[in-house]
Amino acid sequence: MSESRPRFVLASGSPRRLALLAQIGVEPDAVIPADIEETPTRNEAPRALAQRLSAEKAAAAAAIALKRPDLGPSLVLAADTVVCVGRRILPKCEILDEAEDCLNLLSGRVHRVYTGLALRTLGGAERRRVVETRVRFKRLSRAEIADYLATGEWRGKAGGYAIQGLAGAFVLRLIGSYSGVVGLPLAETASLLAGEGYVAHRAWATGA
């Protein structure tokens, strides 16, 4: 990695987000998962929730990074993905019944996926983006839902599915950012980083 780049911290332990960053040639200097309360506040809109959670994650990870002698002031990126039908926010499913309810609700419908991005700058300022994607599922049979639930792929996923996995077979149409649905909208991420002096494409030809 080029020494001219600022240090960069990813405030997430998600393998999906690490893989997406690697796809555009970005490797964090450190990964600091942020442990925050993710319960929506009363009447909180899905877009606002994605924005708030990403900002809180970035702030928490930045505070830890500042105390680490190997990091100090760093660019700190956090993201949070929220799946909703109307204003109903779907859970990040941990139990089978939750995932089954989500899949039954999503079947044959259009839903929205909001991914909030928050970047803490070297000077402590914050840059925010929220990316909206609309996804239409085909109508799912009981057998399709049962077989998908049996895979366990849904576990820990917002809305009870992973678009980059087997559930990709359920998607009829997508308008917006595919990588945003996976967990990190790449165009917007690259733009935020470039605005703070971390230009991913400069390393593509050299591998730096």
Protein backbone atom coordinates (compact mmCIF):
# COMPACT_ATOMS: atom_id res chain seq x y z
CA MET A 1 0.00 0.00 0.00
CA SER A 2 1.25 3.47 -0.89
CA GLU A 3 2.76 5.42 2.00
CA SER A 4 1.08 8.58 0.68
CA ARG A 5 -2.30 7.23 1.57
CA PRO A 6 -3.85 7.99 4.95
CA ARG A 7 -4.38 5.08 7.30
CA PHE A 8 -7.74 3.44 6.77
CA VAL A 9 -9.89 1.52 9.26
CA LEU A 10 -12.99 -0.52 8.47
CA ALA A 11 -15.49 -0.40 11.34
CA SER A 12 -16.91 -3.82 10.52
CA GLY A 13 -15.89 -7.44 10.86
CA SER A 14 -18.10 -8.45 7.95
CA PRO A 15 -16.30 -10.76 5.49
CA ARG A 16 -18.64 -9.46 2.79
CA ARG A 17 -17.52 -5.86 3.27
CA LEU A 18 -13.85 -6.84 3.34
CA ALA A 19 -14.32 -8.77 0.09
CA LEU A 20 -16.08 -5.83 -1.54
CA LEU A 21 -13.27 -3.46 -0.58
CA ALA A 22 -10.72 -5.93 -1.97
CA GLN A 23 -12.69 -5.95 -5.22
CA ILE A 24 -11.77 -2.28 -5.76
CA GLY A 25 -8.21 -2.69 -4.49
CA VAL A 26 -8.71 -1.37 -0.97
CA GLU A 27 -7.19 -3.16 2.03
CA PRO A 28 -7.83 -1.66 5.47
CA ASP A 29 -4.88 -1.07 7.79
CA ALA A 30 -7.11 -2.35 10.58
CA VAL A 31 -10.55 -3.82 11.16
CA ILE A 32 -12.33 -2.57 14.28
CA PRO A 33 -15.86 -3.98 14.60
CA ALA A 34 -18.10 -1.50 16.39
CA ASP A 35 -20.43 -2.90 19.05
CA ILE A 36 -23.46 -0.62 19.28
CA GLU A 37 -27.16 -0.96 20.08
CA GLU A 38 -28.97 -1.40 16.75
CA THR A 39 -32.61 -1.26 17.89
CA PRO A 40 -34.62 1.36 15.95
CA THR A 41 -36.04 4.21 17.97
CA ARG A 42 -39.79 4.69 18.01
CA ASN A 43 -41.09 5.75 14.57
CA GLU A 44 -37.55 5.87 13.16
CA ALA A 45 -37.61 5.73 9.35
CA PRO A 46 -35.51 3.06 7.59
CA ARG A 47 -33.27 5.60 5.83
CA ALA A 48 -32.67 7.49 9.07
CA LEU A 49 -31.84 4.24 10.89
CA ALA A 50 -29.23 3.24 8.30
CA GLN A 51 -27.66 6.69 8.53
CA ARG A 52 -27.67 6.81 12.33
CA LEU A 53 -26.23 3.33 12.85
CA SER A 54 -23.42 3.82 10.35
CA ALA A 55 -22.50 7.13 12.02
CA GLU A 56 -22.50 5.58 15.50
CA LYS A 57 -20.33 2.68 14.32
CA ALA A 58 -17.83 5.06 12.72
CA ALA A 59 -17.64 7.18 15.87
CA ALA A 60 -17.11 4.15 18.11
CA ALA A 61 -14.37 2.69 15.92
CA ALA A 62 -12.65 6.07 15.49
CA ALA A 63 -12.43 6.47 19.28
CA ILE A 64 -10.71 3.08 19.53
CA ALA A 65 -8.36 3.83 16.62
CA LEU A 66 -7.18 7.07 18.24
CA LYS A 67 -5.99 5.12 21.29
CA ARG A 68 -3.98 2.65 19.25
CA PRO A 69 -0.34 3.71 18.70
CA ASP A 70 -0.21 1.81 15.40
CA LEU A 71 -3.12 3.83 14.02
CA GLY A 72 -3.80 7.22 15.57
CA PRO A 73 -5.82 9.58 13.36
CA SER A 74 -7.24 7.47 10.54
CA LEU A 75 -10.00 7.42 7.99
CA VAL A 76 -12.71 5.25 9.55
CA LEU A 77 -15.48 3.82 7.39
CA ALA A 78 -18.67 2.24 8.71
CA ALA A 79 -21.74 0.93 6.96
CA ASP A 80 -25.13 -0.39 7.98
CA THR A 81 -27.76 -2.06 5.83
CA VAL A 82 -31.49 -1.83 6.51
CA VAL A 83 -34.13 -3.80 4.60
CA CYS A 84 -37.72 -2.59 4.67
CA VAL A 85 -41.16 -3.05 3.18
CA GLY A 86 -42.83 0.33 3.32
CA ARG A 87 -41.81 1.71 6.71
CA ARG A 88 -41.60 -1.75 8.25
CA ILE A 89 -37.97 -2.47 9.10
CA LEU A 90 -37.06 -6.14 8.78
CA PRO A 91 -34.73 -7.73 11.34
CA LYS A 92 -31.22 -9.05 10.94
CA CYS A 93 -32.46 -12.57 11.38
CA GLU A 94 -30.99 -14.84 14.03
CA ILE A 95 -33.84 -17.33 14.44
CA LEU A 96 -35.60 -19.38 11.80
CA ASP A 97 -39.08 -17.98 12.46
CA GLU A 98 -37.83 -14.44 11.81
CA ALA A 99 -36.30 -15.45 8.49
CA GLU A 100 -39.43 -17.34 7.45
CA ASP A 101 -41.61 -14.31 8.21
CA CYS A 102 -39.27 -12.09 6.18
CA LEU A 103 -39.26 -14.36 3.14
CA ASN A 104 -43.04 -14.69 3.19
CA LEU A 105 -43.32 -10.90 3.33
CA LEU A 106 -40.77 -10.32 0.55
CA SER A 107 -42.26 -12.95 -1.76
CA GLY A 108 -43.65 -11.34 -4.93
CA ARG A 109 -43.02 -7.82 -3.63
CA VAL A 110 -40.70 -4.88 -4.11
CA HIS A 111 -38.67 -3.98 -1.05
CA ARG A 112 -36.07 -1.31 -0.37
CA VAL A 113 -32.55 -1.70 0.92
CA TYR A 114 -30.84 1.31 2.50
CA THR A 115 -27.12 1.21 3.15
CA GLY A 116 -25.77 4.04 5.23
CA LEU A 117 -22.12 5.04 4.91
CA ALA A 118 -20.21 7.15 7.42
CA LEU A 119 -16.59 8.17 6.98
CA ARG A 120 -14.69 9.79 9.85
CA THR A 121 -11.94 11.99 8.44
CA LEU A 122 -8.42 12.55 9.79
CA GLY A 123 -9.60 15.81 11.32
CA GLY A 124 -12.59 14.22 13.03
CA ALA A 125 -15.24 15.46 10.61
CA GLU A 126 -17.86 13.10 9.24
CA ARG A 127 -19.02 12.43 5.70
CA ARG A 128 -22.32 10.58 5.21
CA ARG A 129 -24.17 8.91 2.37
CA VAL A 130 -27.28 6.74 2.18
CA VAL A 131 -27.77 4.55 -0.89
CA GLU A 132 -31.25 3.25 -1.72
CA THR A 133 -31.85 0.14 -3.82
CA ARG A 134 -35.19 -1.36 -4.84
CA VAL A 135 -35.36 -5.13 -5.16
CA ARG A 136 -38.24 -7.22 -6.51
CA PHE A 137 -38.52 -10.85 -5.48
CA LYS A 138 -40.38 -13.41 -7.52
CA ARG A 139 -43.26 -15.20 -5.81
CA LEU A 140 -41.68 -17.88 -3.65
CA SER A 141 -43.17 -21.32 -3.20
CA ARG A 142 -43.36 -22.95 0.20
CA ALA A 143 -40.75 -25.46 -0.95
CA GLU A 144 -38.34 -22.70 -2.02
CA ILE A 145 -38.70 -20.96 1.32
CA ALA A 146 -38.25 -24.19 3.28
CA ASP A 147 -35.20 -25.23 1.28
CA TYR A 148 -33.61 -21.80 1.64
CA LEU A 149 -34.22 -21.75 5.38
CA ALA A 150 -32.55 -25.15 5.66
CA THR A 151 -29.30 -23.72 4.25
CA GLY A 152 -28.83 -21.29 7.15
CA GLU A 153 -27.59 -18.65 4.69
CA TRP A 154 -30.15 -16.20 6.08
CA ARG A 155 -28.58 -16.10 9.54
CA GLY A 156 -27.42 -12.62 10.52
CA LYS A 157 -28.68 -11.12 7.26
CA ALA A 158 -30.93 -8.06 7.11
CA GLY A 159 -34.26 -9.17 5.69
CA GLY A 160 -33.35 -12.84 6.06
CA TYR A 161 -31.50 -13.34 2.78
CA ALA A 162 -28.13 -12.95 1.07
CA ILE A 163 -28.42 -11.62 -2.47
CA GLN A 164 -24.84 -12.68 -3.25
CA GLY A 165 -25.69 -16.27 -2.33
CA LEU A 166 -28.46 -18.71 -3.11
CA ALA A 167 -31.13 -16.03 -2.68
CA GLY A 168 -29.88 -14.40 -5.86
CA ALA A 169 -32.25 -16.85 -7.58
CA PHE A 170 -35.20 -15.00 -6.00
CA VAL A 171 -34.42 -11.59 -7.52
CA LEU A 172 -36.39 -10.54 -10.60
CA ARG A 173 -35.26 -6.92 -10.73
CA LEU A 174 -32.89 -4.57 -8.96
CA ILE A 175 -32.70 -0.80 -9.33
CA GLY A 176 -29.79 0.81 -7.52
CA SER A 177 -26.60 -0.66 -6.11
CA TYR A 178 -26.08 -4.42 -6.07
CA SER A 179 -23.00 -4.04 -3.87
CA GLY A 180 -25.06 -1.84 -1.57
CA VAL A 181 -27.48 -4.71 -1.00
CA VAL A 182 -24.52 -7.00 -0.27
CA GLY A 183 -23.40 -4.47 2.35
CA LEU A 184 -21.14 -1.78 0.85
CA PRO A 185 -22.01 0.39 -2.19
CA LEU A 186 -18.70 0.51 -4.01
CA ALA A 187 -19.06 3.61 -6.18
CA GLU A 188 -20.12 5.72 -3.22
CA THR A 189 -17.45 4.21 -0.97
CA ALA A 190 -14.69 4.92 -3.49
CA SER A 191 -15.97 8.48 -3.88
CA LEU A 192 -15.97 9.14 -0.13
CA LEU A 193 -12.44 7.77 0.25
CA ALA A 194 -11.13 9.70 -2.76
CA GLY A 195 -12.51 12.91 -1.29
CA GLU A 196 -10.20 12.40 1.70
CA GLY A 197 -7.08 11.52 -0.30
CA TYR A 198 -7.48 7.74 -0.44
CA VAL A 199 -7.80 7.14 -4.19
CA ALA A 200 -8.27 3.42 -4.81
CA HIS A 201 -7.70 3.41 -8.57
CA ARG A 202 -4.16 4.82 -8.33
CA ALA A 203 -2.97 1.43 -7.10
CA TRP A 204 -4.67 -0.65 -9.80
CA ALA A 205 -1.83 -0.50 -12.33
CA THR A 206 1.00 -0.77 -9.81
CA GLY A 207 -0.53 -3.07 -7.23
CA ALA A 208 0.71 -0.67 -4.54
